[in-house]
Amino acid sequence: MEDFAAFISKLENPEHRARMEEVFGWIAERFPQLETKVAWNQPMFTDHGTFIIGFSAAKQHMAVAPEKVTIAHFAEDIVKSSYDHTKELVRIKWTQPVDYTLLEKLIEFNIWDKAECTTFWRK
């Protein structure tokens, strides 16, 4: 999680920092095989050199980016969680609880779907 320390320290709101640390810690504990890195100013988790999920922070929300294939696959679940989303990211307002069941599904799907992937992004 050292990779993410600089990113987290730049978040002005202490509650936002704590939320990001909580989410990153949960992912690291639940998926210890994933590697961490920061690219394009975003903390992300990778598996065998391929992108699994990335994060960013905005004033009103945490953005979760699992790639558009994954968002399309879980669009109904995302809506059920009351999260706003685009084709590229899911927005979790700082005032909303994190749906860890949904987050787990997004990550597990990408690990499974990209098991044979040899590129960082899906082609």
Protein backbone atom coordinates (compact mmCIF):
# COMPACT_ATOMS: atom_id res chain seq x y z
CA MET A 1 0.00 0.00 0.00
CA GLU A 2 3.05 2.25 0.05
CA ASP A 3 2.41 2.89 -3.64
CA PHE A 4 -0.78 4.72 -2.71
CA ALA A 5 0.56 6.84 0.18
CA ALA A 6 1.33 9.93 -1.93
CA PHE A 7 -2.09 9.79 -3.61
CA ILE A 8 -3.91 9.46 -0.28
CA SER A 9 -1.89 12.24 1.36
CA LYS A 10 -3.04 14.68 -1.33
CA LEU A 11 -6.71 14.24 -0.39
CA GLU A 12 -7.62 17.29 1.67
CA ASN A 13 -10.62 15.84 3.49
CA PRO A 14 -9.58 13.41 6.26
CA GLU A 15 -12.82 11.44 5.84
CA HIS A 16 -12.06 10.93 2.15
CA ARG A 17 -8.52 9.80 2.99
CA ALA A 18 -9.91 7.33 5.54
CA ARG A 19 -12.47 6.00 3.06
CA MET A 20 -9.85 5.43 0.36
CA GLU A 21 -7.52 3.74 2.84
CA GLU A 22 -10.39 1.51 3.96
CA VAL A 23 -11.25 0.48 0.40
CA PHE A 24 -7.61 -0.09 -0.59
CA GLY A 25 -6.99 -2.09 2.59
CA TRP A 26 -10.06 -4.23 1.96
CA ILE A 27 -8.93 -5.00 -1.59
CA ALA A 28 -5.38 -5.80 -0.46
CA GLU A 29 -6.70 -8.17 2.21
CA ARG A 30 -9.35 -9.82 0.03
CA PHE A 31 -7.14 -10.08 -3.09
CA PRO A 32 -3.55 -10.36 -1.83
CA GLN A 33 -2.35 -11.59 -5.23
CA LEU A 34 -3.07 -8.21 -6.83
CA GLU A 35 -0.23 -5.77 -7.32
CA THR A 36 -0.52 -2.06 -6.64
CA LYS A 37 0.71 0.78 -8.79
CA VAL A 38 -0.04 4.40 -9.55
CA ALA A 39 -0.36 5.32 -13.23
CA TRP A 40 -1.99 8.34 -14.82
CA ASN A 41 -2.20 9.75 -11.28
CA GLN A 42 -4.58 6.96 -10.27
CA PRO A 43 -4.04 4.16 -7.78
CA MET A 44 -4.78 0.82 -9.38
CA PHE A 45 -4.61 -2.88 -8.81
CA THR A 46 -3.18 -5.18 -11.46
CA ASP A 47 -2.84 -8.92 -12.00
CA HIS A 48 -0.01 -10.44 -14.07
CA GLY A 49 0.59 -7.02 -15.64
CA THR A 50 -3.02 -6.41 -16.65
CA PHE A 51 -5.32 -3.73 -15.27
CA ILE A 52 -8.00 -4.94 -12.85
CA ILE A 53 -9.41 -1.80 -11.19
CA GLY A 54 -8.44 1.82 -10.67
CA PHE A 55 -9.60 4.69 -8.47
CA SER A 56 -9.69 8.46 -8.40
CA ALA A 57 -11.14 11.05 -6.07
CA ALA A 58 -13.29 14.08 -6.81
CA LYS A 59 -14.91 16.63 -4.54
CA GLN A 60 -18.24 14.77 -4.35
CA HIS A 61 -17.26 11.15 -4.97
CA MET A 62 -14.78 8.34 -5.28
CA ALA A 63 -14.55 7.04 -8.83
CA VAL A 64 -14.07 3.33 -9.45
CA ALA A 65 -12.86 2.33 -12.90
CA PRO A 66 -13.00 -1.39 -13.74
CA GLU A 67 -13.11 -0.90 -17.57
CA LYS A 68 -16.26 -0.46 -19.62
CA VAL A 69 -16.77 -4.20 -20.31
CA THR A 70 -17.14 -4.77 -16.59
CA ILE A 71 -19.42 -1.79 -16.07
CA ALA A 72 -21.67 -2.97 -18.89
CA HIS A 73 -21.74 -6.49 -17.43
CA PHE A 74 -22.74 -5.24 -13.95
CA ALA A 75 -24.80 -2.16 -14.92
CA GLU A 76 -27.93 -3.48 -13.20
CA ASP A 77 -26.04 -4.22 -9.97
CA ILE A 78 -24.45 -0.77 -10.07
CA VAL A 79 -27.86 0.87 -10.36
CA LYS A 80 -29.22 -1.31 -7.53
CA SER A 81 -26.40 0.01 -5.35
CA SER A 82 -27.64 3.56 -6.08
CA TYR A 83 -24.38 4.52 -7.74
CA ASP A 84 -24.15 6.80 -10.73
CA HIS A 85 -22.03 5.49 -13.57
CA THR A 86 -20.77 6.22 -17.05
CA LYS A 87 -19.44 3.68 -19.51
CA GLU A 88 -15.96 4.14 -17.98
CA LEU A 89 -16.47 4.60 -14.22
CA VAL A 90 -18.71 4.20 -11.21
CA ARG A 91 -19.21 7.15 -8.86
CA ILE A 92 -19.59 6.41 -5.15
CA LYS A 93 -20.54 9.59 -3.33
CA TRP A 94 -18.54 10.19 -0.19
CA THR A 95 -21.84 10.10 1.72
CA GLN A 96 -22.79 6.65 0.37
CA PRO A 97 -21.66 3.36 1.87
CA VAL A 98 -19.30 1.24 -0.19
CA ASP A 99 -21.03 -1.85 -1.55
CA TYR A 100 -18.21 -4.31 -0.98
CA THR A 101 -20.22 -7.15 -2.49
CA LEU A 102 -20.42 -5.22 -5.75
CA LEU A 103 -16.77 -4.22 -5.57
CA GLU A 104 -15.84 -7.86 -5.07
CA LYS A 105 -17.90 -8.87 -8.13
CA LEU A 106 -16.20 -6.24 -10.29
CA ILE A 107 -12.73 -7.36 -9.23
CA GLU A 108 -13.44 -11.09 -9.44
CA PHE A 109 -14.96 -10.68 -12.91
CA ASN A 110 -11.90 -8.83 -14.18
CA ILE A 111 -9.50 -11.35 -12.68
CA TRP A 112 -11.46 -14.18 -14.32
CA ASP A 113 -12.14 -12.43 -17.64
CA LYS A 114 -8.56 -11.22 -18.02
CA ALA A 115 -6.83 -14.40 -16.84
CA GLU A 116 -5.33 -14.97 -20.28
CA CYS A 117 -4.95 -11.29 -21.14
CA THR A 118 -1.43 -10.32 -22.17
CA THR A 119 -2.02 -6.57 -22.44
CA PHE A 120 -2.66 -3.93 -19.80
CA TRP A 121 -6.07 -2.94 -21.20
CA ARG A 122 -8.57 -5.17 -22.97
CA LYS A 123 -8.26 -5.06 -26.73
